[in-house]
Amino acid sequence: MAKITYVESNGTRHDVDVPNGLTVMEGARDNGIPGIEADCGGACACSTCHVYVDPAWVDKLPAREPMEEDMLDFAYEPDPERSRLTCQLKVTDDLDGLVVHMPVKQI
């Protein structure tokens, strides 16, 4: 289990315990966190679970796969360093303390 902090664009923070094996997107969805729409349900076929990873975590996450890179082209104001799709981040104990920031909107 990992404690993930989801930060809305208005600064509201949500600290959630997410079980290992789920994705960061599923943790948001299952806990009613606003700002992550996840229209495709986690199939990496949209960009509506886009977040900006806290700078302290950028180098601690696995590299983006090509499919995620392609989908990020459709995200709202993607950041080349910090943008990730939460459906592609599998929760493990290593993600305990992860902080993600939601964009102003999802596309």
C-alpha atoms as a PDB file:
ATOM      1  CA  MET A   1       0.000   0.000   0.000  1.00  0.00           C
ATOM      2  CA  ALA A   2       1.194   3.487  -0.806  1.00  0.00           C
ATOM      3  CA  LYS A   3      -0.028   6.868   0.390  1.00  0.00           C
ATOM      4  CA  ILE A   4      -0.577   9.019  -2.691  1.00  0.00           C
ATOM      5  CA  THR A   5      -1.285  12.743  -2.466  1.00  0.00           C
ATOM      6  CA  TYR A   6      -3.501  14.126  -5.215  1.00  0.00           C
ATOM      7  CA  VAL A   7      -3.456  17.926  -5.447  1.00  0.00           C
ATOM      8  CA  GLU A   8      -6.295  19.630  -7.291  1.00  0.00           C
ATOM      9  CA  SER A   9      -5.516  22.655  -9.464  1.00  0.00           C
ATOM     10  CA  ASN A  10      -7.001  24.872  -6.718  1.00  0.00           C
ATOM     11  CA  GLY A  11      -4.529  23.460  -4.164  1.00  0.00           C
ATOM     12  CA  THR A  12      -6.916  21.101  -2.363  1.00  0.00           C
ATOM     13  CA  ARG A  13      -4.972  18.014  -1.241  1.00  0.00           C
ATOM     14  CA  HIS A  14      -6.284  14.469  -0.956  1.00  0.00           C
ATOM     15  CA  ASP A  15      -4.101  11.908   0.855  1.00  0.00           C
ATOM     16  CA  VAL A  16      -5.218   8.414  -0.102  1.00  0.00           C
ATOM     17  CA  ASP A  17      -3.947   4.928   0.737  1.00  0.00           C
ATOM     18  CA  VAL A  18      -3.885   3.025  -2.558  1.00  0.00           C
ATOM     19  CA  PRO A  19      -3.402  -0.768  -2.555  1.00  0.00           C
ATOM     20  CA  ASN A  20      -0.466  -2.234  -4.427  1.00  0.00           C
ATOM     21  CA  GLY A  21      -1.357  -3.511  -7.873  1.00  0.00           C
ATOM     22  CA  LEU A  22      -3.830  -0.734  -8.659  1.00  0.00           C
ATOM     23  CA  THR A  23      -2.836   2.271 -10.732  1.00  0.00           C
ATOM     24  CA  VAL A  24      -2.606   5.831  -9.475  1.00  0.00           C
ATOM     25  CA  MET A  25      -5.652   6.513 -11.696  1.00  0.00           C
ATOM     26  CA  GLU A  26      -7.663   3.730 -10.050  1.00  0.00           C
ATOM     27  CA  GLY A  27      -6.763   5.129  -6.645  1.00  0.00           C
ATOM     28  CA  ALA A  28      -8.209   8.490  -7.654  1.00  0.00           C
ATOM     29  CA  ARG A  29     -11.298   6.973  -9.256  1.00  0.00           C
ATOM     30  CA  ASP A  30     -12.035   4.637  -6.364  1.00  0.00           C
ATOM     31  CA  ASN A  31     -11.769   7.489  -3.867  1.00  0.00           C
ATOM     32  CA  GLY A  32     -13.774  10.085  -5.793  1.00  0.00           C
ATOM     33  CA  ILE A  33     -10.842  12.430  -6.343  1.00  0.00           C
ATOM     34  CA  PRO A  34     -11.952  15.257  -8.661  1.00  0.00           C
ATOM     35  CA  GLY A  35      -9.738  16.224 -11.589  1.00  0.00           C
ATOM     36  CA  ILE A  36      -8.908  12.773 -12.952  1.00  0.00           C
ATOM     37  CA  GLU A  37     -11.637  11.762 -15.391  1.00  0.00           C
ATOM     38  CA  ALA A  38     -10.157   8.522 -16.805  1.00  0.00           C
ATOM     39  CA  ASP A  39     -12.577   8.380 -19.750  1.00  0.00           C
ATOM     40  CA  CYS A  40     -10.957   5.289 -21.278  1.00  0.00           C
ATOM     41  CA  GLY A  41     -10.914   3.388 -17.991  1.00  0.00           C
ATOM     42  CA  GLY A  42      -7.159   2.954 -17.930  1.00  0.00           C
ATOM     43  CA  ALA A  43      -6.513   1.665 -21.460  1.00  0.00           C
ATOM     44  CA  CYS A  44      -4.016   4.440 -22.284  1.00  0.00           C
ATOM     45  CA  ALA A  45      -6.355   5.539 -25.068  1.00  0.00           C
ATOM     46  CA  CYS A  46      -6.978   9.115 -23.915  1.00  0.00           C
ATOM     47  CA  SER A  47      -5.251  11.718 -21.792  1.00  0.00           C
ATOM     48  CA  THR A  48      -7.949  12.426 -19.204  1.00  0.00           C
ATOM     49  CA  CYS A  49      -5.918  11.051 -16.291  1.00  0.00           C
ATOM     50  CA  HIS A  50      -3.029  13.441 -16.939  1.00  0.00           C
ATOM     51  CA  VAL A  51      -1.137  14.846 -13.939  1.00  0.00           C
ATOM     52  CA  TYR A  52       2.051  16.707 -13.194  1.00  0.00           C
ATOM     53  CA  VAL A  53       4.313  14.630 -10.978  1.00  0.00           C
ATOM     54  CA  ASP A  54       5.898  16.516  -8.104  1.00  0.00           C
ATOM     55  CA  PRO A  55       9.489  17.403  -9.116  1.00  0.00           C
ATOM     56  CA  ALA A  56      10.929  15.288  -6.288  1.00  0.00           C
ATOM     57  CA  TRP A  57       9.357  12.192  -7.876  1.00  0.00           C
ATOM     58  CA  VAL A  58      10.176  12.646 -11.570  1.00  0.00           C
ATOM     59  CA  ASP A  59      13.359  10.550 -11.488  1.00  0.00           C
ATOM     60  CA  LYS A  60      11.889   7.913  -9.149  1.00  0.00           C
ATOM     61  CA  LEU A  61       9.199   6.727 -11.560  1.00  0.00           C
ATOM     62  CA  PRO A  62       9.616   4.239 -14.386  1.00  0.00           C
ATOM     63  CA  ALA A  63      10.215   5.786 -17.796  1.00  0.00           C
ATOM     64  CA  ARG A  64       7.253   6.527 -20.038  1.00  0.00           C
ATOM     65  CA  GLU A  65       6.413   3.883 -22.601  1.00  0.00           C
ATOM     66  CA  PRO A  66       5.937   5.052 -26.228  1.00  0.00           C
ATOM     67  CA  MET A  67       2.139   4.726 -26.007  1.00  0.00           C
ATOM     68  CA  GLU A  68       2.032   7.032 -22.983  1.00  0.00           C
ATOM     69  CA  GLU A  69       4.284   9.524 -24.781  1.00  0.00           C
ATOM     70  CA  ASP A  70       1.870   9.530 -27.732  1.00  0.00           C
ATOM     71  CA  MET A  71      -1.202  10.078 -25.532  1.00  0.00           C
ATOM     72  CA  LEU A  72       0.472  12.926 -23.643  1.00  0.00           C
ATOM     73  CA  ASP A  73       0.506  14.855 -26.927  1.00  0.00           C
ATOM     74  CA  PHE A  74      -3.269  15.203 -26.427  1.00  0.00           C
ATOM     75  CA  ALA A  75      -3.099  16.309 -22.776  1.00  0.00           C
ATOM     76  CA  TYR A  76      -3.860  19.826 -21.592  1.00  0.00           C
ATOM     77  CA  GLU A  77      -0.594  21.781 -21.355  1.00  0.00           C
ATOM     78  CA  PRO A  78       1.769  18.803 -21.013  1.00  0.00           C
ATOM     79  CA  ASP A  79       5.097  19.341 -19.316  1.00  0.00           C
ATOM     80  CA  PRO A  80       7.970  17.456 -20.983  1.00  0.00           C
ATOM     81  CA  GLU A  81       9.472  16.469 -17.626  1.00  0.00           C
ATOM     82  CA  ARG A  82       6.566  16.180 -15.189  1.00  0.00           C
ATOM     83  CA  SER A  83       3.521  15.035 -17.181  1.00  0.00           C
ATOM     84  CA  ARG A  84       2.341  11.464 -16.698  1.00  0.00           C
ATOM     85  CA  LEU A  85      -0.813   9.465 -17.294  1.00  0.00           C
ATOM     86  CA  THR A  86      -1.895   8.018 -13.972  1.00  0.00           C
ATOM     87  CA  CYS A  87      -3.281   4.906 -15.676  1.00  0.00           C
ATOM     88  CA  GLN A  88       0.313   3.982 -16.487  1.00  0.00           C
ATOM     89  CA  LEU A  89       1.646   4.281 -12.937  1.00  0.00           C
ATOM     90  CA  LYS A  90       1.258   0.963 -11.108  1.00  0.00           C
ATOM     91  CA  VAL A  91       1.192   1.338  -7.331  1.00  0.00           C
ATOM     92  CA  THR A  92       3.904  -0.418  -5.324  1.00  0.00           C
ATOM     93  CA  ASP A  93       5.462   0.293  -1.939  1.00  0.00           C
ATOM     94  CA  ASP A  94       8.062   2.336  -3.855  1.00  0.00           C
ATOM     95  CA  LEU A  95       5.393   4.950  -4.631  1.00  0.00           C
ATOM     96  CA  ASP A  96       4.623   5.628  -0.969  1.00  0.00           C
ATOM     97  CA  GLY A  97       4.576   9.423  -0.613  1.00  0.00           C
ATOM     98  CA  LEU A  98       4.029  10.167  -4.316  1.00  0.00           C
ATOM     99  CA  VAL A  99       2.524  13.612  -4.963  1.00  0.00           C
ATOM    100  CA  VAL A 100       0.696  14.400  -8.210  1.00  0.00           C
ATOM    101  CA  HIS A 101      -0.834  17.705  -9.271  1.00  0.00           C
ATOM    102  CA  MET A 102      -3.889  17.852 -11.512  1.00  0.00           C
ATOM    103  CA  PRO A 103      -4.036  20.288 -14.422  1.00  0.00           C
ATOM    104  CA  VAL A 104      -6.684  23.005 -14.559  1.00  0.00           C
ATOM    105  CA  LYS A 105      -8.671  20.763 -16.922  1.00  0.00           C
ATOM    106  CA  GLN A 106      -8.511  17.476 -18.774  1.00  0.00           C
ATOM    107  CA  ILE A 107      -9.022  17.289 -22.537  1.00  0.00           C
END
